[in-house]
N, C-alpha and C. Protein backbone atom coordinates (compact mmCIF):
# COMPACT_ATOMS: atom_id res chain seq x y z
N UNK A 1 275.59 -93.15 -20.91
CA UNK A 1 275.58 -92.86 -22.19
C UNK A 1 275.93 -93.96 -23.13
N UNK A 2 275.59 -93.68 -24.42
CA UNK A 2 275.89 -94.68 -25.24
C UNK A 2 277.37 -95.15 -25.38
N UNK A 3 277.86 -96.26 -25.46
CA UNK A 3 279.22 -96.73 -25.29
C UNK A 3 279.93 -96.19 -24.19
N UNK A 4 279.30 -95.80 -23.20
CA UNK A 4 279.84 -95.23 -21.86
C UNK A 4 280.68 -93.72 -22.13
N UNK A 5 280.34 -92.96 -23.16
CA UNK A 5 281.02 -92.02 -23.28
C UNK A 5 279.95 -90.83 -23.67
N UNK A 6 280.13 -89.58 -23.34
CA UNK A 6 279.10 -88.56 -23.59
C UNK A 6 279.37 -88.07 -25.20
N UNK A 7 278.75 -87.67 -25.60
CA UNK A 7 278.97 -86.98 -27.08
C UNK A 7 279.76 -85.80 -26.94
N UNK A 8 280.38 -85.54 -28.08
CA UNK A 8 281.00 -84.35 -28.20
C UNK A 8 280.31 -82.83 -27.73
N UNK A 9 279.08 -83.20 -28.30
CA UNK A 9 278.28 -81.73 -28.06
C UNK A 9 277.92 -81.69 -26.59
N UNK A 10 277.71 -82.72 -25.97
CA UNK A 10 277.52 -82.83 -24.45
C UNK A 10 278.58 -82.24 -23.82
N UNK A 11 280.00 -82.76 -24.15
CA UNK A 11 281.22 -82.06 -23.52
C UNK A 11 281.09 -80.67 -23.64
N UNK A 12 281.20 -80.22 -25.03
CA UNK A 12 281.16 -78.83 -25.36
C UNK A 12 280.08 -77.88 -24.47
N UNK A 13 279.00 -78.39 -24.40
CA UNK A 13 278.14 -77.59 -23.32
C UNK A 13 278.27 -77.47 -22.13
N UNK A 14 279.13 -78.38 -21.59
CA UNK A 14 279.53 -78.32 -20.02
C UNK A 14 280.73 -77.38 -19.94
N UNK A 15 281.56 -77.16 -20.97
CA UNK A 15 282.84 -76.56 -20.97
C UNK A 15 282.99 -74.96 -20.02
N UNK A 16 281.66 -74.45 -20.44
CA UNK A 16 281.72 -72.89 -19.89
C UNK A 16 281.28 -73.09 -18.46
N UNK A 17 280.45 -74.31 -17.99
CA UNK A 17 279.79 -74.17 -16.71
C UNK A 17 281.16 -74.82 -15.90
N UNK A 18 282.17 -75.52 -16.60
CA UNK A 18 283.36 -76.06 -15.61
C UNK A 18 284.37 -74.79 -15.42
N UNK A 19 284.27 -74.21 -16.40
CA UNK A 19 285.54 -72.58 -16.58
C UNK A 19 284.70 -71.79 -15.37
N UNK A 20 283.52 -71.49 -15.23
CA UNK A 20 282.95 -70.70 -14.53
C UNK A 20 283.18 -71.38 -12.89
N UNK A 21 282.99 -72.71 -12.74
CA UNK A 21 283.37 -73.32 -11.24
C UNK A 21 284.63 -73.28 -11.03
N UNK A 22 285.82 -73.51 -11.87
CA UNK A 22 287.06 -73.25 -11.60
C UNK A 22 287.37 -71.90 -11.31
N UNK A 23 286.84 -70.90 -11.84
CA UNK A 23 287.02 -69.39 -11.55
C UNK A 23 286.53 -69.11 -10.33
N UNK A 24 285.58 -69.77 -9.74
CA UNK A 24 285.00 -69.56 -8.36
C UNK A 24 285.82 -70.27 -6.95
N UNK A 25 286.89 -70.91 -7.60
CA UNK A 25 288.06 -71.54 -6.64
C UNK A 25 289.45 -71.13 -6.74
N UNK A 26 289.55 -69.78 -6.22
CA UNK A 26 290.82 -69.21 -6.64
C UNK A 26 292.00 -70.01 -5.78
N UNK A 27 291.60 -70.53 -4.64
CA UNK A 27 292.62 -71.48 -3.88
C UNK A 27 292.64 -72.77 -4.22
N UNK A 28 291.95 -73.20 -5.35
CA UNK A 28 292.04 -74.72 -5.67
C UNK A 28 293.64 -74.99 -5.99
N UNK A 29 294.06 -76.24 -5.35
CA UNK A 29 295.23 -76.71 -5.55
C UNK A 29 295.33 -77.99 -6.23
N UNK A 30 294.20 -78.84 -6.60
CA UNK A 30 294.43 -80.07 -7.24
C UNK A 30 293.09 -80.22 -7.96
N UNK A 31 293.20 -80.58 -9.42
CA UNK A 31 292.03 -81.00 -9.93
C UNK A 31 292.08 -82.55 -10.18
N UNK A 32 291.41 -83.39 -9.89
CA UNK A 32 291.34 -84.80 -9.86
C UNK A 32 290.36 -85.26 -11.29
N UNK A 33 291.09 -85.63 -12.56
CA UNK A 33 290.21 -85.80 -13.41
C UNK A 33 290.08 -87.24 -13.57
N UNK A 34 288.68 -87.78 -13.53
CA UNK A 34 288.34 -88.94 -13.49
C UNK A 34 288.14 -89.52 -14.89
N UNK A 35 288.97 -89.91 -15.68
CA UNK A 35 288.97 -90.29 -17.10
C UNK A 35 289.59 -89.41 -17.99
N UNK A 36 289.79 -89.87 -19.20
CA UNK A 36 290.51 -88.89 -20.14
C UNK A 36 289.66 -87.76 -20.82
N UNK A 37 288.25 -87.90 -20.60
CA UNK A 37 287.45 -86.83 -21.05
C UNK A 37 287.56 -85.74 -20.06
N UNK A 38 287.55 -86.29 -18.68
CA UNK A 38 287.59 -85.12 -17.72
C UNK A 38 289.22 -84.52 -17.90
N UNK A 39 290.22 -85.30 -18.07
CA UNK A 39 291.47 -84.76 -18.33
C UNK A 39 291.51 -83.58 -19.53
N UNK A 40 290.90 -84.13 -20.67
CA UNK A 40 290.78 -83.45 -21.74
C UNK A 40 290.13 -82.12 -21.60
N UNK A 41 288.83 -82.09 -20.70
CA UNK A 41 288.11 -80.87 -20.30
C UNK A 41 288.86 -80.07 -19.40
N UNK A 42 289.72 -80.40 -18.61
CA UNK A 42 290.39 -79.54 -17.64
C UNK A 42 291.53 -78.83 -18.55
N UNK A 43 292.13 -79.55 -19.46
CA UNK A 43 293.13 -78.86 -20.12
C UNK A 43 292.61 -77.78 -21.10
N UNK A 44 291.22 -78.07 -21.74
CA UNK A 44 290.66 -76.96 -22.74
C UNK A 44 290.27 -75.79 -21.77
N UNK A 45 290.06 -75.90 -20.37
CA UNK A 45 289.49 -74.70 -19.73
C UNK A 45 291.09 -73.78 -19.54
N UNK A 46 292.08 -74.47 -19.44
CA UNK A 46 293.36 -73.82 -19.40
C UNK A 46 294.12 -73.39 -20.68
N UNK A 47 293.20 -73.68 -21.65
CA UNK A 47 293.49 -73.44 -23.16
C UNK A 47 295.06 -74.26 -23.31
N UNK A 48 295.31 -75.41 -23.00
CA UNK A 48 296.28 -76.09 -23.09
C UNK A 48 296.34 -77.44 -24.17
N UNK A 49 296.96 -77.53 -24.74
CA UNK A 49 297.45 -78.75 -25.88
C UNK A 49 297.23 -79.90 -25.28
N UNK A 50 296.43 -80.87 -25.63
CA UNK A 50 296.20 -82.20 -25.08
C UNK A 50 297.49 -82.89 -25.49
N UNK A 51 298.20 -82.58 -26.49
CA UNK A 51 299.30 -83.73 -27.01
C UNK A 51 300.81 -83.18 -26.20
N UNK A 52 300.63 -82.13 -25.47
CA UNK A 52 301.58 -81.80 -24.38
C UNK A 52 301.24 -82.39 -22.92
N UNK A 53 300.03 -82.76 -22.83
CA UNK A 53 299.84 -83.29 -21.46
C UNK A 53 298.81 -84.85 -21.63
N UNK A 54 299.66 -85.90 -21.56
CA UNK A 54 299.01 -86.94 -21.89
C UNK A 54 298.41 -87.71 -20.64
N UNK A 55 297.02 -88.14 -20.81
CA UNK A 55 296.36 -88.96 -19.74
C UNK A 55 296.81 -90.19 -19.32
N UNK A 56 297.36 -90.44 -18.04
CA UNK A 56 297.78 -91.71 -17.54
C UNK A 56 297.39 -91.86 -16.25
N UNK A 57 296.76 -92.85 -15.78
CA UNK A 57 296.61 -93.27 -14.37
C UNK A 57 297.58 -92.66 -13.38
N UNK A 58 297.17 -91.99 -12.56
CA UNK A 58 297.87 -91.63 -11.06
C UNK A 58 299.00 -90.83 -11.69
N UNK A 59 298.76 -89.86 -12.78
CA UNK A 59 299.83 -88.98 -13.15
C UNK A 59 299.65 -87.65 -12.47
N UNK A 60 300.71 -86.90 -12.46
CA UNK A 60 300.71 -85.59 -11.97
C UNK A 60 301.18 -84.56 -13.14
N UNK A 61 300.20 -83.58 -13.17
CA UNK A 61 300.69 -82.69 -14.32
C UNK A 61 300.60 -81.22 -13.68
N UNK A 62 302.01 -80.73 -13.59
CA UNK A 62 302.23 -79.26 -13.34
C UNK A 62 301.78 -78.52 -14.58
N UNK A 63 300.66 -77.92 -14.81
CA UNK A 63 300.32 -77.14 -15.72
C UNK A 63 300.82 -75.79 -15.79
N UNK A 64 301.55 -75.44 -14.71
CA UNK A 64 302.17 -74.01 -14.73
C UNK A 64 301.43 -72.76 -14.58
N UNK A 65 300.22 -73.10 -14.23
CA UNK A 65 299.21 -72.16 -13.79
C UNK A 65 298.07 -72.76 -13.06
N UNK A 66 297.75 -72.21 -11.98
CA UNK A 66 296.63 -72.74 -11.19
C UNK A 66 296.78 -74.04 -10.59
N UNK A 67 295.82 -74.78 -10.50
CA UNK A 67 295.95 -76.21 -9.81
C UNK A 67 296.92 -77.23 -10.69
N UNK A 68 297.37 -78.19 -10.07
CA UNK A 68 297.76 -79.45 -10.63
C UNK A 68 296.67 -80.29 -11.12
N UNK A 69 297.15 -81.10 -12.19
CA UNK A 69 295.98 -81.98 -12.58
C UNK A 69 296.57 -83.29 -12.47
N UNK A 70 295.75 -84.33 -11.49
CA UNK A 70 295.95 -85.73 -11.27
C UNK A 70 294.95 -86.35 -12.21
N UNK A 71 295.59 -87.48 -12.57
CA UNK A 71 294.47 -88.24 -13.54
C UNK A 71 294.30 -89.61 -12.91
N UNK A 72 293.08 -90.15 -13.02
CA UNK A 72 292.69 -91.43 -12.55
C UNK A 72 291.89 -92.04 -13.67
N UNK A 73 292.05 -93.20 -13.72
CA UNK A 73 291.04 -93.90 -14.52
C UNK A 73 289.50 -93.71 -13.97
N UNK A 74 288.76 -93.56 -14.72
CA UNK A 74 286.97 -93.55 -14.30
C UNK A 74 286.77 -94.47 -13.62
N UNK A 75 286.05 -94.44 -12.22
CA UNK A 75 285.68 -95.44 -11.46
C UNK A 75 284.48 -96.16 -11.92
N UNK A 76 284.25 -96.32 -13.29
CA UNK A 76 282.97 -96.93 -13.70
C UNK A 76 283.08 -98.37 -13.38
N UNK A 77 281.78 -98.95 -13.58
CA UNK A 77 281.68 -100.45 -13.45
C UNK A 77 282.40 -101.22 -14.36
N UNK A 78 282.42 -100.69 -15.66
CA UNK A 78 283.54 -101.45 -16.74
C UNK A 78 284.80 -101.56 -16.04
N UNK A 79 285.64 -100.19 -15.63
CA UNK A 79 286.88 -100.34 -15.47
C UNK A 79 287.15 -101.06 -14.13
N UNK A 80 286.21 -100.92 -13.01
CA UNK A 80 286.37 -101.91 -12.03
C UNK A 80 286.14 -103.21 -12.22
N UNK A 81 285.13 -103.85 -12.95
CA UNK A 81 284.93 -105.12 -13.14
C UNK A 81 286.02 -105.74 -14.19
N UNK A 82 286.59 -105.08 -15.05
CA UNK A 82 287.50 -105.53 -15.84
C UNK A 82 289.09 -105.43 -15.07
N UNK A 83 289.10 -105.09 -13.97
CA UNK A 83 290.55 -104.69 -13.28
C UNK A 83 291.32 -103.63 -13.67
N UNK A 84 290.80 -102.99 -14.90
CA UNK A 84 291.60 -101.79 -15.21
C UNK A 84 292.15 -100.81 -13.98
N UNK A 85 291.05 -100.54 -13.14
CA UNK A 85 291.17 -99.96 -11.94
C UNK A 85 290.73 -100.71 -10.75
N UNK A 86 291.68 -100.95 -9.87
CA UNK A 86 291.48 -101.61 -8.57
C UNK A 86 291.44 -100.66 -7.36
N UNK A 87 290.75 -101.24 -6.33
CA UNK A 87 290.60 -100.40 -5.14
C UNK A 87 291.81 -99.72 -4.45
N UNK A 88 292.96 -100.54 -4.96
CA UNK A 88 294.47 -100.11 -4.38
C UNK A 88 294.94 -98.87 -5.18
N UNK A 89 294.53 -99.12 -6.65
CA UNK A 89 295.03 -98.11 -7.55
C UNK A 89 294.38 -96.66 -7.43
N UNK A 90 293.13 -96.76 -6.81
CA UNK A 90 292.20 -95.60 -6.67
C UNK A 90 292.66 -94.88 -5.42
N UNK A 91 292.93 -95.84 -4.57
CA UNK A 91 293.21 -95.09 -3.16
C UNK A 91 294.59 -94.49 -3.19
N UNK A 92 295.46 -95.27 -4.16
CA UNK A 92 296.87 -94.52 -4.39
C UNK A 92 296.76 -93.04 -4.92
N UNK A 93 295.82 -93.00 -5.74
CA UNK A 93 295.61 -91.49 -6.27
C UNK A 93 295.37 -90.75 -5.11
N UNK A 94 294.49 -90.94 -4.24
CA UNK A 94 294.03 -89.97 -3.23
C UNK A 94 295.11 -89.79 -2.24
N UNK A 95 296.09 -90.79 -1.91
CA UNK A 95 297.18 -90.57 -1.16
C UNK A 95 298.08 -89.79 -1.74
N UNK A 96 298.33 -89.77 -2.81
CA UNK A 96 299.10 -88.90 -3.58
C UNK A 96 298.45 -87.21 -3.70
N UNK A 97 297.23 -87.36 -3.85
CA UNK A 97 296.63 -86.03 -3.54
C UNK A 97 296.79 -85.45 -2.21
N UNK A 98 296.43 -86.18 -1.16
CA UNK A 98 296.75 -85.86 0.28
C UNK A 98 298.06 -85.35 0.35
N UNK A 99 299.19 -85.83 -0.25
CA UNK A 99 300.66 -85.06 0.05
C UNK A 99 300.73 -83.98 -0.62
N UNK A 100 299.87 -83.41 -1.55
CA UNK A 100 299.86 -82.18 -2.16
C UNK A 100 299.20 -80.87 -1.36
N UNK A 101 298.21 -81.46 -0.51
CA UNK A 101 297.21 -80.54 0.01
C UNK A 101 297.42 -80.55 1.57
N UNK A 102 298.02 -79.31 2.06
CA UNK A 102 298.25 -79.34 3.79
C UNK A 102 296.78 -79.02 4.12
N UNK A 103 296.68 -80.12 5.48
CA UNK A 103 295.23 -79.94 5.90
C UNK A 103 295.74 -79.44 7.24
N UNK A 104 295.06 -78.27 7.72
CA UNK A 104 295.38 -77.60 9.08
C UNK A 104 294.95 -78.43 10.31
N UNK A 105 295.61 -78.61 11.13
CA UNK A 105 295.41 -79.58 12.25
C UNK A 105 295.82 -81.04 12.23
N UNK A 106 296.25 -81.41 10.94
CA UNK A 106 296.91 -82.91 10.80
C UNK A 106 298.46 -82.88 10.80
């Protein structure tokens, strides 16, 4: 998309779809937001104020209802080429998520 960001109208058009998808997953434990747009969209689904839940890489947000929200910088070419997001940083997010989700047999 232009300037590597979707338009506001595109984000709003996807909001109902996101809400429906999340409602179909009653056992969902974690939402991984890849970028601030995904972070804000997830907050919108739960009707939470963005000012109370700041986006930050590898941050954990207990929203008080439903799954927790984990943030990561988006794994775009821009973020990886500029070093904003390194491979180690990205893997650290998944290690933290793994600690939150018990996997049977492991």
